Protein backbone atom coordinates (compact mmCIF):
# COMPACT_ATOMS: atom_id res chain seq x y z
CA UNK A 1 0.00 0.00 0.00
CA UNK A 2 1.35 3.39 -0.97
CA UNK A 3 1.20 6.23 1.55
CA UNK A 4 0.87 9.76 0.19
CA UNK A 5 2.22 12.40 2.54
CA UNK A 6 0.32 15.48 3.59
CA UNK A 7 2.98 17.62 1.94
CA UNK A 8 2.39 15.91 -1.41
CA UNK A 9 -1.36 16.43 -1.14
CA UNK A 10 -0.96 20.12 -0.30
CA UNK A 11 1.52 20.55 -3.16
CA UNK A 12 -0.87 18.82 -5.55
CA UNK A 13 -3.77 21.04 -4.53
CA UNK A 14 -1.69 24.21 -4.77
CA UNK A 15 -0.29 23.38 -8.19
CA UNK A 16 -3.66 22.21 -9.44
CA UNK A 17 -5.44 25.37 -8.38
CA UNK A 18 -2.69 27.53 -9.90
CA UNK A 19 -2.89 25.62 -13.17
CA UNK A 20 -6.68 25.91 -13.31
CA UNK A 21 -6.70 29.61 -12.52
CA UNK A 22 -3.93 30.41 -15.02
CA UNK A 23 -5.26 28.17 -17.79
CA UNK A 24 -7.91 30.76 -18.60
CA UNK A 25 -5.24 33.36 -19.45
CA UNK A 26 -5.34 34.25 -23.12
CA UNK A 27 -7.75 35.68 -25.63
CA UNK A 28 -8.36 32.70 -27.89
CA UNK A 29 -9.10 29.04 -27.17
CA UNK A 30 -5.80 28.05 -28.81
CA UNK A 31 -3.76 30.34 -26.56
CA UNK A 32 -5.59 29.13 -23.48
CA UNK A 33 -5.12 25.49 -24.53
CA UNK A 34 -1.38 26.01 -25.02
CA UNK A 35 -0.85 27.81 -21.72
CA UNK A 36 -3.12 25.37 -19.89
CA UNK A 37 -1.26 22.42 -21.38
CA UNK A 38 2.12 23.83 -20.43
CA UNK A 39 1.04 24.64 -16.89
CA UNK A 40 -0.67 21.29 -16.51
CA UNK A 41 2.37 19.41 -17.76
CA UNK A 42 4.62 21.20 -15.30
CA UNK A 43 2.23 20.65 -12.43
CA UNK A 44 1.69 17.01 -13.37
CA UNK A 45 5.42 16.34 -13.54
CA UNK A 46 5.98 17.98 -10.17
CA UNK A 47 3.14 16.06 -8.54
CA UNK A 48 4.28 12.80 -10.12
CA UNK A 49 7.79 13.30 -8.81
CA UNK A 50 6.65 14.45 -5.37
CA UNK A 51 4.37 11.48 -4.85
CA UNK A 52 6.99 8.93 -5.91
CA UNK A 53 5.31 8.22 -9.23
CA UNK A 54 6.50 8.70 -12.77
CA UNK A 55 7.06 12.36 -13.65
CA UNK A 56 6.58 11.66 -17.37
CA UNK A 57 3.16 10.11 -16.83
CA UNK A 58 2.19 12.99 -14.57
CA UNK A 59 3.26 15.46 -17.25
CA UNK A 60 1.20 13.70 -19.92
CA UNK A 61 -1.92 13.55 -17.79
CA UNK A 62 -1.50 17.10 -16.47
CA UNK A 63 -0.82 18.46 -19.94
CA UNK A 64 -3.94 16.82 -21.35
CA UNK A 65 -6.15 18.04 -18.55
CA UNK A 66 -4.65 21.54 -18.66
CA UNK A 67 -5.05 21.81 -22.44
CA UNK A 68 -8.66 20.64 -22.28
CA UNK A 69 -9.42 23.02 -19.41
CA UNK A 70 -7.80 25.92 -21.21
CA UNK A 71 -9.58 25.25 -24.48
CA UNK A 72 -12.99 24.88 -22.84
CA UNK A 73 -12.88 28.06 -20.74
CA UNK A 74 -14.12 31.43 -21.89
CA UNK A 75 -12.01 34.57 -21.49
């Protein structure tokens, strides 16, 4: 059984909320998708590494979620 520390959970929540709030930056859906994807990839890699998982997998998942969130938000 894997134990996730409180620090990793707090870091995940902080990075996730920053990525979500910044993914809406931009004037077009393409710009928001690109910035959201970049922020999500960085946050996903950091969370993956902090929790003892694979940083590459975290970056892929975070980038996909960030790009989708950025593209679907309105300015």
